[in-house]
Amino acid sequence: MSARTCQCSIGYRRSVNYPLPGPPPNPADAIDGALERLDGLENVPLAEHVARFDAVHATLTEALSSIDKV
């Protein structure tokens, strides 16, 4: 996902890019995305399971730390 930006000229020959406002990110989307990474795990070589579990665990831990937003 790319950030939306707007360019504004300030003074003579000087411009600044700044982000446009948008909806805040939804932590529940991160949880859903993390759990989707476990889909098809039975078709992935066993050696790659640990890396997948670690990535999912990290995402879920981050979401849990922002539980007030979920």
N, C-alpha and C. Protein backbone atom coordinates (compact mmCIF):
# COMPACT_ATOMS: atom_id res chain seq x y z
N MET A 1 0.85 -1.16 0.00
CA MET A 1 0.00 0.00 0.00
C MET A 1 0.90 1.23 0.00
N SER A 2 0.64 2.15 -0.90
CA SER A 2 1.45 3.36 -0.96
C SER A 2 0.71 4.50 -0.27
N ALA A 3 1.48 5.39 0.33
CA ALA A 3 0.90 6.53 1.04
C ALA A 3 0.48 7.59 0.03
N ARG A 4 -0.63 8.22 0.28
CA ARG A 4 -1.08 9.32 -0.57
C ARG A 4 -0.36 10.58 -0.12
N THR A 5 0.11 11.37 -1.07
CA THR A 5 0.79 12.61 -0.72
C THR A 5 0.28 13.74 -1.61
N CYS A 6 0.55 14.94 -1.17
CA CYS A 6 0.18 16.14 -1.90
C CYS A 6 1.41 17.05 -1.91
N GLN A 7 1.61 17.74 -3.02
CA GLN A 7 2.76 18.63 -3.11
C GLN A 7 2.26 20.07 -3.02
N CYS A 8 2.94 20.86 -2.24
CA CYS A 8 2.56 22.25 -2.03
C CYS A 8 3.79 23.13 -2.22
N SER A 9 3.63 24.23 -2.95
CA SER A 9 4.74 25.16 -3.15
C SER A 9 4.77 26.17 -2.02
N ILE A 10 5.96 26.36 -1.48
CA ILE A 10 6.15 27.32 -0.40
C ILE A 10 7.21 28.30 -0.86
N GLY A 11 6.82 29.54 -0.96
CA GLY A 11 7.79 30.54 -1.38
C GLY A 11 8.18 30.36 -2.84
N TYR A 12 9.38 30.74 -3.16
CA TYR A 12 9.87 30.72 -4.52
C TYR A 12 10.70 29.47 -4.77
N ARG A 13 10.26 28.62 -5.70
CA ARG A 13 10.98 27.40 -6.10
C ARG A 13 11.20 26.40 -4.98
N ARG A 14 10.34 26.36 -4.04
CA ARG A 14 10.49 25.38 -2.96
C ARG A 14 9.15 24.67 -2.79
N SER A 15 9.19 23.36 -2.80
CA SER A 15 7.95 22.62 -2.61
C SER A 15 8.17 21.53 -1.57
N VAL A 16 7.09 21.15 -0.93
CA VAL A 16 7.14 20.17 0.14
C VAL A 16 6.05 19.13 -0.12
N ASN A 17 6.38 17.85 0.06
CA ASN A 17 5.37 16.79 0.00
C ASN A 17 4.91 16.49 1.41
N TYR A 18 3.63 16.36 1.60
CA TYR A 18 3.11 16.00 2.91
C TYR A 18 1.99 14.97 2.72
N PRO A 19 1.80 14.08 3.69
CA PRO A 19 0.78 13.04 3.54
C PRO A 19 -0.63 13.60 3.64
N LEU A 20 -1.52 13.02 2.86
CA LEU A 20 -2.93 13.39 2.94
C LEU A 20 -3.59 12.56 4.04
N PRO A 21 -4.57 13.14 4.71
CA PRO A 21 -5.25 12.37 5.76
C PRO A 21 -6.07 11.23 5.15
N GLY A 22 -6.23 10.21 5.90
CA GLY A 22 -7.02 9.07 5.46
C GLY A 22 -7.50 8.31 6.67
N PRO A 23 -8.20 7.24 6.43
CA PRO A 23 -8.69 6.47 7.57
C PRO A 23 -7.52 5.81 8.31
N PRO A 24 -7.62 5.70 9.62
CA PRO A 24 -6.54 5.06 10.38
C PRO A 24 -6.48 3.57 10.06
N PRO A 25 -5.31 2.96 10.18
CA PRO A 25 -5.20 1.53 9.91
C PRO A 25 -6.02 0.73 10.92
N ASN A 26 -6.54 -0.38 10.48
CA ASN A 26 -7.37 -1.23 11.34
C ASN A 26 -6.53 -2.42 11.81
N PRO A 27 -6.23 -2.53 13.12
CA PRO A 27 -5.41 -3.65 13.62
C PRO A 27 -6.03 -5.01 13.31
N ALA A 28 -7.35 -5.08 13.21
CA ALA A 28 -8.00 -6.36 12.90
C ALA A 28 -7.59 -6.86 11.51
N ASP A 29 -7.30 -5.94 10.59
CA ASP A 29 -6.83 -6.34 9.26
C ASP A 29 -5.48 -7.03 9.36
N ALA A 30 -4.61 -6.56 10.25
CA ALA A 30 -3.30 -7.19 10.44
C ALA A 30 -3.47 -8.60 11.00
N ILE A 31 -4.43 -8.77 11.89
CA ILE A 31 -4.69 -10.09 12.47
C ILE A 31 -5.17 -11.05 11.39
N ASP A 32 -6.12 -10.60 10.59
CA ASP A 32 -6.62 -11.44 9.50
C ASP A 32 -5.51 -11.81 8.52
N GLY A 33 -4.67 -10.84 8.19
CA GLY A 33 -3.56 -11.10 7.27
C GLY A 33 -2.57 -12.09 7.84
N ALA A 34 -2.31 -11.98 9.14
CA ALA A 34 -1.38 -12.91 9.79
C ALA A 34 -1.93 -14.33 9.76
N LEU A 35 -3.20 -14.48 10.06
CA LEU A 35 -3.80 -15.82 10.07
C LEU A 35 -3.87 -16.41 8.66
N GLU A 36 -4.02 -15.56 7.65
CA GLU A 36 -4.03 -16.06 6.27
C GLU A 36 -2.68 -16.67 5.89
N ARG A 37 -1.60 -16.21 6.53
CA ARG A 37 -0.28 -16.78 6.24
C ARG A 37 -0.17 -18.23 6.67
N LEU A 38 -1.09 -18.67 7.53
CA LEU A 38 -1.07 -20.07 7.96
C LEU A 38 -1.86 -20.96 7.00
N ASP A 39 -2.64 -20.37 6.10
CA ASP A 39 -3.38 -21.16 5.11
C ASP A 39 -2.39 -21.91 4.22
N GLY A 40 -2.66 -23.16 3.97
CA GLY A 40 -1.81 -23.96 3.10
C GLY A 40 -0.51 -24.38 3.74
N LEU A 41 -0.41 -24.25 5.05
CA LEU A 41 0.83 -24.60 5.75
C LEU A 41 1.21 -26.06 5.53
N GLU A 42 0.20 -26.92 5.35
CA GLU A 42 0.49 -28.34 5.16
C GLU A 42 1.22 -28.60 3.84
N ASN A 43 1.19 -27.64 2.92
CA ASN A 43 1.87 -27.79 1.63
C ASN A 43 3.26 -27.16 1.61
N VAL A 44 3.66 -26.55 2.71
CA VAL A 44 4.95 -25.87 2.81
C VAL A 44 5.94 -26.83 3.47
N PRO A 45 7.20 -26.85 2.99
CA PRO A 45 8.19 -27.72 3.62
C PRO A 45 8.30 -27.45 5.12
N LEU A 46 8.49 -28.50 5.87
CA LEU A 46 8.55 -28.41 7.33
C LEU A 46 9.60 -27.40 7.80
N ALA A 47 10.70 -27.30 7.09
CA ALA A 47 11.77 -26.38 7.47
C ALA A 47 11.32 -24.92 7.44
N GLU A 48 10.27 -24.61 6.69
CA GLU A 48 9.79 -23.23 6.58
C GLU A 48 8.69 -22.91 7.60
N HIS A 49 8.21 -23.90 8.32
CA HIS A 49 7.13 -23.68 9.29
C HIS A 49 7.53 -22.70 10.39
N VAL A 50 8.73 -22.85 10.92
CA VAL A 50 9.17 -22.00 12.03
C VAL A 50 9.16 -20.53 11.62
N ALA A 51 9.66 -20.23 10.44
CA ALA A 51 9.69 -18.84 9.98
C ALA A 51 8.28 -18.28 9.85
N ARG A 52 7.36 -19.09 9.34
CA ARG A 52 5.97 -18.63 9.22
C ARG A 52 5.35 -18.40 10.59
N PHE A 53 5.55 -19.35 11.51
CA PHE A 53 4.99 -19.19 12.85
C PHE A 53 5.58 -17.97 13.54
N ASP A 54 6.88 -17.73 13.38
CA ASP A 54 7.51 -16.56 13.99
C ASP A 54 6.92 -15.26 13.44
N ALA A 55 6.71 -15.20 12.13
CA ALA A 55 6.15 -13.99 11.52
C ALA A 55 4.72 -13.75 12.01
N VAL A 56 3.93 -14.81 12.06
CA VAL A 56 2.55 -14.68 12.53
C VAL A 56 2.53 -14.28 14.01
N HIS A 57 3.40 -14.89 14.79
CA HIS A 57 3.47 -14.57 16.22
C HIS A 57 3.82 -13.10 16.43
N ALA A 58 4.78 -12.60 15.67
CA ALA A 58 5.18 -11.19 15.80
C ALA A 58 4.02 -10.26 15.46
N THR A 59 3.29 -10.58 14.40
CA THR A 59 2.15 -9.75 14.01
C THR A 59 1.06 -9.77 15.07
N LEU A 60 0.76 -10.96 15.59
CA LEU A 60 -0.28 -11.08 16.61
C LEU A 60 0.13 -10.40 17.91
N THR A 61 1.42 -10.48 18.25
CA THR A 61 1.92 -9.80 19.45
C THR A 61 1.76 -8.29 19.32
N GLU A 62 2.08 -7.76 18.15
CA GLU A 62 1.93 -6.32 17.91
C GLU A 62 0.46 -5.91 17.99
N ALA A 63 -0.42 -6.73 17.42
CA ALA A 63 -1.85 -6.42 17.47
C ALA A 63 -2.36 -6.48 18.91
N LEU A 64 -1.87 -7.44 19.68
CA LEU A 64 -2.30 -7.56 21.07
C LEU A 64 -1.84 -6.36 21.89
N SER A 65 -0.67 -5.82 21.56
CA SER A 65 -0.18 -4.66 22.30
C SER A 65 -1.01 -3.41 22.02
N SER A 66 -1.77 -3.43 20.93
CA SER A 66 -2.64 -2.29 20.61
C SER A 66 -4.10 -2.70 20.76
N ILE A 67 -4.39 -3.54 21.76
CA ILE A 67 -5.71 -4.13 21.93
C ILE A 67 -6.81 -3.08 22.09
N ASP A 68 -6.49 -1.91 22.59
CA ASP A 68 -7.50 -0.86 22.74
C ASP A 68 -8.06 -0.42 21.40
N LYS A 69 -7.29 -0.63 20.33
CA LYS A 69 -7.71 -0.21 19.00
C LYS A 69 -8.46 -1.30 18.25
N VAL A 70 -8.45 -2.54 18.75
CA VAL A 70 -9.09 -3.66 18.03
C VAL A 70 -10.57 -3.69 18.33
